């Protein structure tokens, strides 16, 4: 991605240069609620790498087409035994949640951000949400776990009791409540999410690039000092969950539109 390469398509992800210093990345599987498949994971990883390597990019916006921001992992991939392929070796789920990002990322959430969708939003630095947006970590309903940073990152932005309720009930919270609790930076009218996110990105891009990057690095470090220990424990609990037959049962029950039959 260079200043001359202002737009393009990477699989099911759209890439657009907006002005000189902002890039808009758009998930483009609207018929599947932008659920993450292997193609999206590979494309998002490539986007982050390109943005990091392009010195003219100062901020990035991550958006999605359709009614949903992202439904998380594509459960058809999970049911087919490809769950582990949805995470890239160096960058994690969707090629994004653990990717090294020195520049600010803003999520523009227009509808449901469920499971991995919320984890992707949490892996951004800021969230703009439309009035119909909602956030959930419903993995426990499918025999899974919010094991792409969601179960611990949500505690960085929400009060402890609210974060615990989200991860153990799997129930969503709406945009207004998410804004009031601090998960969302700005709440906007439906249809204005991307425009608002781009305005915020342009405001950032007008500032001194090195000052922004170093300020971001310091602030992230202060907020995420427990990241290494959180990742260690997350690896342990995810291993336990993935070893259970509930993983396949949860995905199959969802696809077959029936109540799951848990084994423990």
C-alpha atoms as a PDB file:
ATOM      1  CA  UNK A   1       0.000   0.000   0.000  1.00  0.00           C
ATOM      2  CA  UNK A   2       1.633   3.252  -1.090  1.00  0.00           C
ATOM      3  CA  UNK A   3       0.455   6.784  -1.666  1.00  0.00           C
ATOM      4  CA  UNK A   4      -0.121   5.784  -5.284  1.00  0.00           C
ATOM      5  CA  UNK A   5      -2.020   2.648  -4.277  1.00  0.00           C
ATOM      6  CA  UNK A   6      -5.060   4.247  -2.714  1.00  0.00           C
ATOM      7  CA  UNK A   7      -7.522   1.395  -2.844  1.00  0.00           C
ATOM      8  CA  UNK A   8      -7.919  -2.250  -3.576  1.00  0.00           C
ATOM      9  CA  UNK A   9      -9.316  -5.580  -2.483  1.00  0.00           C
ATOM     10  CA  UNK A  10      -7.586  -8.241  -0.433  1.00  0.00           C
ATOM     11  CA  UNK A  11      -9.905 -11.238  -0.625  1.00  0.00           C
ATOM     12  CA  UNK A  12     -13.027 -10.269   1.282  1.00  0.00           C
ATOM     13  CA  UNK A  13     -11.508  -7.086   2.704  1.00  0.00           C
ATOM     14  CA  UNK A  14     -11.652  -3.684   0.976  1.00  0.00           C
ATOM     15  CA  UNK A  15      -8.820  -1.172   1.336  1.00  0.00           C
ATOM     16  CA  UNK A  16      -9.222   2.539   0.622  1.00  0.00           C
ATOM     17  CA  UNK A  17      -6.898   5.503   1.120  1.00  0.00           C
ATOM     18  CA  UNK A  18      -8.835   8.484   2.475  1.00  0.00           C
ATOM     19  CA  UNK A  19      -6.841  11.658   2.039  1.00  0.00           C
ATOM     20  CA  UNK A  20      -3.098  11.530   2.493  1.00  0.00           C
ATOM     21  CA  UNK A  21      -2.724   9.831   5.841  1.00  0.00           C
ATOM     22  CA  UNK A  22      -5.772   7.664   6.659  1.00  0.00           C
ATOM     23  CA  UNK A  23      -6.654   4.167   5.468  1.00  0.00           C
ATOM     24  CA  UNK A  24     -10.158   2.691   5.640  1.00  0.00           C
ATOM     25  CA  UNK A  25     -10.334  -1.108   5.913  1.00  0.00           C
ATOM     26  CA  UNK A  26     -13.771  -2.647   5.333  1.00  0.00           C
ATOM     27  CA  UNK A  27     -14.834  -6.233   6.019  1.00  0.00           C
ATOM     28  CA  UNK A  28     -16.830  -7.366   3.003  1.00  0.00           C
ATOM     29  CA  UNK A  29     -18.845 -10.500   3.813  1.00  0.00           C
ATOM     30  CA  UNK A  30     -22.202  -8.838   4.524  1.00  0.00           C
ATOM     31  CA  UNK A  31     -24.238 -11.939   3.659  1.00  0.00           C
ATOM     32  CA  UNK A  32     -22.334 -13.839   6.370  1.00  0.00           C
ATOM     33  CA  UNK A  33     -22.464 -10.966   8.896  1.00  0.00           C
ATOM     34  CA  UNK A  34     -18.742 -10.502   8.190  1.00  0.00           C
ATOM     35  CA  UNK A  35     -17.937 -13.685  10.070  1.00  0.00           C
ATOM     36  CA  UNK A  36     -14.207 -14.359  10.018  1.00  0.00           C
ATOM     37  CA  UNK A  37     -13.075 -17.094   7.665  1.00  0.00           C
ATOM     38  CA  UNK A  38      -9.521 -17.972   6.688  1.00  0.00           C
ATOM     39  CA  UNK A  39      -9.580 -15.481   3.793  1.00  0.00           C
ATOM     40  CA  UNK A  40     -10.482 -12.553   6.070  1.00  0.00           C
ATOM     41  CA  UNK A  41      -7.798 -13.546   8.578  1.00  0.00           C
ATOM     42  CA  UNK A  42      -5.139 -13.605   5.880  1.00  0.00           C
ATOM     43  CA  UNK A  43      -6.316 -10.317   4.360  1.00  0.00           C
ATOM     44  CA  UNK A  44      -6.513  -8.412   7.647  1.00  0.00           C
ATOM     45  CA  UNK A  45      -3.035  -9.562   8.595  1.00  0.00           C
ATOM     46  CA  UNK A  46      -1.739  -8.312   5.239  1.00  0.00           C
ATOM     47  CA  UNK A  47      -3.475  -4.957   5.782  1.00  0.00           C
ATOM     48  CA  UNK A  48      -1.844  -4.411   9.155  1.00  0.00           C
ATOM     49  CA  UNK A  49       1.585  -5.280   7.786  1.00  0.00           C
ATOM     50  CA  UNK A  50       1.123  -2.891   4.858  1.00  0.00           C
ATOM     51  CA  UNK A  51      -0.111  -0.060   7.067  1.00  0.00           C
ATOM     52  CA  UNK A  52       2.789  -0.533   9.466  1.00  0.00           C
ATOM     53  CA  UNK A  53       5.302  -0.387   6.632  1.00  0.00           C
ATOM     54  CA  UNK A  54       3.825   2.724   4.983  1.00  0.00           C
ATOM     55  CA  UNK A  55       5.218   5.834   6.687  1.00  0.00           C
ATOM     56  CA  UNK A  56       2.572   8.027   5.077  1.00  0.00           C
ATOM     57  CA  UNK A  57      -0.257   6.270   6.968  1.00  0.00           C
ATOM     58  CA  UNK A  58      -0.943   7.876  10.338  1.00  0.00           C
ATOM     59  CA  UNK A  59      -4.276   6.295  11.361  1.00  0.00           C
ATOM     60  CA  UNK A  60      -6.541   3.451  10.284  1.00  0.00           C
ATOM     61  CA  UNK A  61     -10.280   2.857  10.461  1.00  0.00           C
ATOM     62  CA  UNK A  62     -11.739  -0.656  10.522  1.00  0.00           C
ATOM     63  CA  UNK A  63     -15.349  -0.861   9.334  1.00  0.00           C
ATOM     64  CA  UNK A  64     -17.715  -3.410   7.803  1.00  0.00           C
ATOM     65  CA  UNK A  65     -20.408  -3.604   5.147  1.00  0.00           C
ATOM     66  CA  UNK A  66     -23.940  -4.721   5.857  1.00  0.00           C
ATOM     67  CA  UNK A  67     -26.064  -4.848   8.994  1.00  0.00           C
ATOM     68  CA  UNK A  68     -23.423  -6.417  11.250  1.00  0.00           C
ATOM     69  CA  UNK A  69     -19.907  -5.334  12.110  1.00  0.00           C
ATOM     70  CA  UNK A  70     -18.652  -8.883  12.638  1.00  0.00           C
ATOM     71  CA  UNK A  71     -20.292 -12.060  13.931  1.00  0.00           C
ATOM     72  CA  UNK A  72     -16.936 -13.441  15.078  1.00  0.00           C
ATOM     73  CA  UNK A  73     -15.606 -16.766  13.904  1.00  0.00           C
ATOM     74  CA  UNK A  74     -17.427 -18.407  11.025  1.00  0.00           C
ATOM     75  CA  UNK A  75     -18.948 -21.373  12.868  1.00  0.00           C
ATOM     76  CA  UNK A  76     -19.102 -23.378   9.657  1.00  0.00           C
ATOM     77  CA  UNK A  77     -15.317 -23.227   9.626  1.00  0.00           C
ATOM     78  CA  UNK A  78     -15.281 -24.242  13.291  1.00  0.00           C
ATOM     79  CA  UNK A  79     -17.674 -27.150  12.691  1.00  0.00           C
ATOM     80  CA  UNK A  80     -15.468 -28.272   9.804  1.00  0.00           C
ATOM     81  CA  UNK A  81     -12.457 -28.448  12.116  1.00  0.00           C
ATOM     82  CA  UNK A  82     -10.752 -25.277  10.887  1.00  0.00           C
ATOM     83  CA  UNK A  83     -11.062 -23.217  14.087  1.00  0.00           C
ATOM     84  CA  UNK A  84      -7.315 -22.979  14.603  1.00  0.00           C
ATOM     85  CA  UNK A  85      -6.812 -21.705  11.043  1.00  0.00           C
ATOM     86  CA  UNK A  86      -8.815 -18.580  11.844  1.00  0.00           C
ATOM     87  CA  UNK A  87      -5.869 -17.398  13.940  1.00  0.00           C
ATOM     88  CA  UNK A  88      -2.604 -16.448  12.261  1.00  0.00           C
ATOM     89  CA  UNK A  89       0.605 -17.618  13.984  1.00  0.00           C
ATOM     90  CA  UNK A  90       1.987 -14.131  14.690  1.00  0.00           C
ATOM     91  CA  UNK A  91      -1.140 -11.992  14.783  1.00  0.00           C
ATOM     92  CA  UNK A  92      -3.827 -14.155  16.373  1.00  0.00           C
ATOM     93  CA  UNK A  93      -7.543 -14.347  15.594  1.00  0.00           C
ATOM     94  CA  UNK A  94      -8.539 -12.702  12.312  1.00  0.00           C
ATOM     95  CA  UNK A  95      -4.887 -11.841  11.713  1.00  0.00           C
ATOM     96  CA  UNK A  96      -5.563  -8.811  13.883  1.00  0.00           C
ATOM     97  CA  UNK A  97      -6.084  -9.154  17.638  1.00  0.00           C
ATOM     98  CA  UNK A  98      -2.378  -9.517  18.530  1.00  0.00           C
ATOM     99  CA  UNK A  99      -0.892  -7.811  15.468  1.00  0.00           C
ATOM    100  CA  UNK A 100       1.810  -5.253  16.210  1.00  0.00           C
ATOM    101  CA  UNK A 101       0.262  -1.841  15.569  1.00  0.00           C
ATOM    102  CA  UNK A 102       2.242   1.338  16.185  1.00  0.00           C
ATOM    103  CA  UNK A 103      -0.475   3.559  14.701  1.00  0.00           C
ATOM    104  CA  UNK A 104      -3.958   4.327  16.058  1.00  0.00           C
ATOM    105  CA  UNK A 105      -6.808   2.085  14.919  1.00  0.00           C
ATOM    106  CA  UNK A 106     -10.459   3.078  15.186  1.00  0.00           C
ATOM    107  CA  UNK A 107     -13.320   0.566  14.914  1.00  0.00           C
ATOM    108  CA  UNK A 108     -16.500   1.874  13.250  1.00  0.00           C
ATOM    109  CA  UNK A 109     -19.232  -0.450  14.538  1.00  0.00           C
ATOM    110  CA  UNK A 110     -22.606  -0.164  12.822  1.00  0.00           C
ATOM    111  CA  UNK A 111     -24.386  -3.301  14.081  1.00  0.00           C
ATOM    112  CA  UNK A 112     -23.685  -6.445  16.019  1.00  0.00           C
ATOM    113  CA  UNK A 113     -20.106  -7.088  17.089  1.00  0.00           C
ATOM    114  CA  UNK A 114     -20.384 -10.568  18.552  1.00  0.00           C
ATOM    115  CA  UNK A 115     -17.684 -12.886  19.839  1.00  0.00           C
ATOM    116  CA  UNK A 116     -14.598 -12.345  17.762  1.00  0.00           C
ATOM    117  CA  UNK A 117     -16.237  -9.192  16.419  1.00  0.00           C
ATOM    118  CA  UNK A 118     -16.087  -7.625  19.866  1.00  0.00           C
ATOM    119  CA  UNK A 119     -12.540  -8.956  20.268  1.00  0.00           C
ATOM    120  CA  UNK A 120     -11.544  -7.262  17.003  1.00  0.00           C
ATOM    121  CA  UNK A 121     -13.103  -3.994  18.195  1.00  0.00           C
ATOM    122  CA  UNK A 122     -11.282  -4.310  21.533  1.00  0.00           C
ATOM    123  CA  UNK A 123      -8.015  -4.797  19.638  1.00  0.00           C
ATOM    124  CA  UNK A 124      -8.520  -1.320  18.181  1.00  0.00           C
ATOM    125  CA  UNK A 125      -7.653   1.756  20.223  1.00  0.00           C
ATOM    126  CA  UNK A 126     -10.988   3.525  19.904  1.00  0.00           C
ATOM    127  CA  UNK A 127     -14.550   2.592  18.974  1.00  0.00           C
ATOM    128  CA  UNK A 128     -17.190   4.662  17.201  1.00  0.00           C
ATOM    129  CA  UNK A 129     -20.613   3.031  17.450  1.00  0.00           C
ATOM    130  CA  UNK A 130     -23.937   3.632  15.779  1.00  0.00           C
ATOM    131  CA  UNK A 131     -27.141   3.617  17.766  1.00  0.00           C
ATOM    132  CA  UNK A 132     -27.969   0.077  16.617  1.00  0.00           C
ATOM    133  CA  UNK A 133     -24.570  -1.355  17.510  1.00  0.00           C
ATOM    134  CA  UNK A 134     -24.271  -4.043  20.152  1.00  0.00           C
ATOM    135  CA  UNK A 135     -21.411  -5.939  21.720  1.00  0.00           C
ATOM    136  CA  UNK A 136     -21.316  -9.473  23.069  1.00  0.00           C
ATOM    137  CA  UNK A 137     -18.944 -12.261  24.002  1.00  0.00           C
ATOM    138  CA  UNK A 138     -21.368 -15.200  23.552  1.00  0.00           C
ATOM    139  CA  UNK A 139     -18.739 -17.948  23.253  1.00  0.00           C
ATOM    140  CA  UNK A 140     -20.007 -19.780  26.373  1.00  0.00           C
ATOM    141  CA  UNK A 141     -23.280 -20.387  24.530  1.00  0.00           C
ATOM    142  CA  UNK A 142     -21.379 -22.363  21.868  1.00  0.00           C
ATOM    143  CA  UNK A 143     -18.968 -24.342  24.040  1.00  0.00           C
ATOM    144  CA  UNK A 144     -16.205 -21.853  23.285  1.00  0.00           C
ATOM    145  CA  UNK A 145     -14.365 -19.139  25.210  1.00  0.00           C
ATOM    146  CA  UNK A 146     -13.563 -15.527  24.379  1.00  0.00           C
ATOM    147  CA  UNK A 147      -9.969 -16.600  23.933  1.00  0.00           C
ATOM    148  CA  UNK A 148      -8.749 -13.950  21.486  1.00  0.00           C
ATOM    149  CA  UNK A 149      -8.221 -11.327  24.151  1.00  0.00           C
ATOM    150  CA  UNK A 150     -11.888 -10.602  24.767  1.00  0.00           C
ATOM    151  CA  UNK A 151     -12.246 -12.176  28.200  1.00  0.00           C
ATOM    152  CA  UNK A 152      -9.469 -10.030  29.672  1.00  0.00           C
ATOM    153  CA  UNK A 153      -9.421  -6.920  27.468  1.00  0.00           C
ATOM    154  CA  UNK A 154     -13.055  -6.240  28.259  1.00  0.00           C
ATOM    155  CA  UNK A 155     -12.002  -5.707  31.884  1.00  0.00           C
ATOM    156  CA  UNK A 156      -9.741  -2.852  30.756  1.00  0.00           C
ATOM    157  CA  UNK A 157     -12.705  -0.831  29.549  1.00  0.00           C
ATOM    158  CA  UNK A 158     -15.707  -2.001  31.581  1.00  0.00           C
ATOM    159  CA  UNK A 159     -16.346  -2.195  35.328  1.00  0.00           C
ATOM    160  CA  UNK A 160     -15.416  -5.629  36.702  1.00  0.00           C
ATOM    161  CA  UNK A 161     -18.996  -6.832  37.445  1.00  0.00           C
ATOM    162  CA  UNK A 162     -20.196  -5.824  33.977  1.00  0.00           C
ATOM    163  CA  UNK A 163     -17.238  -7.503  32.299  1.00  0.00           C
ATOM    164  CA  UNK A 164     -17.845 -10.709  34.265  1.00  0.00           C
ATOM    165  CA  UNK A 165     -21.547 -10.696  33.379  1.00  0.00           C
ATOM    166  CA  UNK A 166     -20.682 -10.341  29.686  1.00  0.00           C
ATOM    167  CA  UNK A 167     -18.291 -13.294  29.594  1.00  0.00           C
ATOM    168  CA  UNK A 168     -20.344 -15.729  31.726  1.00  0.00           C
ATOM    169  CA  UNK A 169     -23.821 -14.994  30.316  1.00  0.00           C
ATOM    170  CA  UNK A 170     -22.869 -14.288  26.708  1.00  0.00           C
ATOM    171  CA  UNK A 171     -25.611 -11.660  26.579  1.00  0.00           C
ATOM    172  CA  UNK A 172     -25.083  -8.447  24.557  1.00  0.00           C
ATOM    173  CA  UNK A 173     -24.987  -4.853  25.685  1.00  0.00           C
ATOM    174  CA  UNK A 174     -26.385  -2.129  23.482  1.00  0.00           C
ATOM    175  CA  UNK A 175     -24.523   0.848  22.078  1.00  0.00           C
ATOM    176  CA  UNK A 176     -25.951   3.396  24.524  1.00  0.00           C
ATOM    177  CA  UNK A 177     -24.938   1.391  27.567  1.00  0.00           C
ATOM    178  CA  UNK A 178     -21.561   0.571  26.022  1.00  0.00           C
ATOM    179  CA  UNK A 179     -20.991   4.299  25.529  1.00  0.00           C
ATOM    180  CA  UNK A 180     -22.087   5.169  29.059  1.00  0.00           C
ATOM    181  CA  UNK A 181     -19.738   2.518  30.500  1.00  0.00           C
ATOM    182  CA  UNK A 182     -16.738   3.663  28.462  1.00  0.00           C
ATOM    183  CA  UNK A 183     -16.436   0.855  25.920  1.00  0.00           C
ATOM    184  CA  UNK A 184     -17.362   3.279  23.116  1.00  0.00           C
ATOM    185  CA  UNK A 185     -15.692   6.649  22.492  1.00  0.00           C
ATOM    186  CA  UNK A 186     -18.490   8.267  20.480  1.00  0.00           C
ATOM    187  CA  UNK A 187     -22.115   7.249  19.897  1.00  0.00           C
ATOM    188  CA  UNK A 188     -23.496   8.460  16.563  1.00  0.00           C
ATOM    189  CA  UNK A 189     -26.635   8.138  14.470  1.00  0.00           C
ATOM    190  CA  UNK A 190     -26.949   5.017  12.361  1.00  0.00           C
ATOM    191  CA  UNK A 191     -25.148   5.376   9.056  1.00  0.00           C
ATOM    192  CA  UNK A 192     -22.696   7.956  10.438  1.00  0.00           C
ATOM    193  CA  UNK A 193     -20.242   5.485  11.957  1.00  0.00           C
ATOM    194  CA  UNK A 194     -17.605   5.487   9.217  1.00  0.00           C
ATOM    195  CA  UNK A 195     -17.785   9.245   8.645  1.00  0.00           C
ATOM    196  CA  UNK A 196     -17.340   9.897  12.373  1.00  0.00           C
ATOM    197  CA  UNK A 197     -14.453   7.443  12.578  1.00  0.00           C
ATOM    198  CA  UNK A 198     -12.754   9.061   9.584  1.00  0.00           C
ATOM    199  CA  UNK A 199     -13.133  12.520  11.151  1.00  0.00           C
ATOM    200  CA  UNK A 200     -11.463  11.241  14.309  1.00  0.00           C
ATOM    201  CA  UNK A 201      -8.709   9.615  12.249  1.00  0.00           C
ATOM    202  CA  UNK A 202      -8.129  12.856  10.340  1.00  0.00           C
ATOM    203  CA  UNK A 203      -7.880  14.770  13.611  1.00  0.00           C
ATOM    204  CA  UNK A 204      -5.192  12.344  14.759  1.00  0.00           C
ATOM    205  CA  UNK A 205      -3.421  12.482  11.397  1.00  0.00           C
ATOM    206  CA  UNK A 206      -2.977  16.255  11.665  1.00  0.00           C
ATOM    207  CA  UNK A 207      -0.783  15.803  14.733  1.00  0.00           C
ATOM    208  CA  UNK A 208       2.958  15.087  14.796  1.00  0.00           C
ATOM    209  CA  UNK A 209       3.315  11.419  13.738  1.00  0.00           C
ATOM    210  CA  UNK A 210       6.142  10.547  16.152  1.00  0.00           C
ATOM    211  CA  UNK A 211       4.365  12.247  19.051  1.00  0.00           C
ATOM    212  CA  UNK A 212       1.207  10.264  18.307  1.00  0.00           C
ATOM    213  CA  UNK A 213       3.041   6.929  18.037  1.00  0.00           C
ATOM    214  CA  UNK A 214       5.060   7.442  21.227  1.00  0.00           C
ATOM    215  CA  UNK A 215       2.063   8.747  23.170  1.00  0.00           C
ATOM    216  CA  UNK A 216       0.071   5.744  21.998  1.00  0.00           C
ATOM    217  CA  UNK A 217       2.872   3.378  22.969  1.00  0.00           C
ATOM    218  CA  UNK A 218       3.077   4.796  26.490  1.00  0.00           C
ATOM    219  CA  UNK A 219      -0.664   4.871  27.046  1.00  0.00           C
ATOM    220  CA  UNK A 220      -1.114   1.311  25.776  1.00  0.00           C
ATOM    221  CA  UNK A 221       1.715   0.112  28.020  1.00  0.00           C
ATOM    222  CA  UNK A 222       0.136   1.716  31.077  1.00  0.00           C
ATOM    223  CA  UNK A 223      -3.257   0.172  30.294  1.00  0.00           C
ATOM    224  CA  UNK A 224      -1.972  -3.268  29.282  1.00  0.00           C
ATOM    225  CA  UNK A 225       0.818  -3.997  31.761  1.00  0.00           C
ATOM    226  CA  UNK A 226      -0.751  -7.371  32.560  1.00  0.00           C
ATOM    227  CA  UNK A 227      -0.929  -8.449  28.907  1.00  0.00           C
ATOM    228  CA  UNK A 228       1.835 -11.087  29.094  1.00  0.00           C
ATOM    229  CA  UNK A 229       0.361 -12.771  32.166  1.00  0.00           C
ATOM    230  CA  UNK A 230      -3.132 -12.549  30.686  1.00  0.00           C
ATOM    231  CA  UNK A 231      -1.928 -14.243  27.518  1.00  0.00           C
ATOM    232  CA  UNK A 232      -0.265 -17.037  29.500  1.00  0.00           C
ATOM    233  CA  UNK A 233      -3.452 -17.803  31.430  1.00  0.00           C
ATOM    234  CA  UNK A 234      -5.563 -17.437  28.304  1.00  0.00           C
ATOM    235  CA  UNK A 235      -3.451 -20.086  26.534  1.00  0.00           C
ATOM    236  CA  UNK A 236      -4.123 -22.449  29.437  1.00  0.00           C
ATOM    237  CA  UNK A 237      -7.885 -21.979  29.561  1.00  0.00           C
ATOM    238  CA  UNK A 238      -8.267 -22.035  25.781  1.00  0.00           C
ATOM    239  CA  UNK A 239      -6.400 -25.357  25.657  1.00  0.00           C
ATOM    240  CA  UNK A 240      -8.844 -26.771  28.203  1.00  0.00           C
ATOM    241  CA  UNK A 241     -11.884 -25.590  26.248  1.00  0.00           C
ATOM    242  CA  UNK A 242     -10.599 -26.737  22.855  1.00  0.00           C
ATOM    243  CA  UNK A 243     -10.008 -30.225  24.246  1.00  0.00           C
ATOM    244  CA  UNK A 244     -13.703 -30.571  25.091  1.00  0.00           C
ATOM    245  CA  UNK A 245     -16.275 -32.169  22.743  1.00  0.00           C
ATOM    246  CA  UNK A 246     -18.462 -29.165  23.559  1.00  0.00           C
ATOM    247  CA  UNK A 247     -16.545 -27.196  20.942  1.00  0.00           C
ATOM    248  CA  UNK A 248     -17.959 -29.172  18.016  1.00  0.00           C
ATOM    249  CA  UNK A 249     -21.340 -29.624  19.713  1.00  0.00           C
ATOM    250  CA  UNK A 250     -21.844 -25.889  20.182  1.00  0.00           C
ATOM    251  CA  UNK A 251     -21.102 -25.114  16.550  1.00  0.00           C
ATOM    252  CA  UNK A 252     -23.265 -27.963  15.236  1.00  0.00           C
ATOM    253  CA  UNK A 253     -26.185 -26.993  17.472  1.00  0.00           C
ATOM    254  CA  UNK A 254     -26.019 -23.419  16.207  1.00  0.00           C
ATOM    255  CA  UNK A 255     -25.994 -24.517  12.560  1.00  0.00           C
ATOM    256  CA  UNK A 256     -28.807 -27.034  13.177  1.00  0.00           C
ATOM    257  CA  UNK A 257     -30.839 -24.428  15.134  1.00  0.00           C
ATOM    258  CA  UNK A 258     -31.240 -26.610  18.225  1.00  0.00           C
ATOM    259  CA  UNK A 259     -30.269 -26.434  21.880  1.00  0.00           C
ATOM    260  CA  UNK A 260     -26.791 -27.820  22.519  1.00  0.00           C
ATOM    261  CA  UNK A 261     -26.271 -30.936  24.648  1.00  0.00           C
ATOM    262  CA  UNK A 262     -23.280 -30.238  26.874  1.00  0.00           C
ATOM    263  CA  UNK A 263     -21.103 -32.973  28.331  1.00  0.00           C
ATOM    264  CA  UNK A 264     -20.057 -31.217  31.530  1.00  0.00           C
END
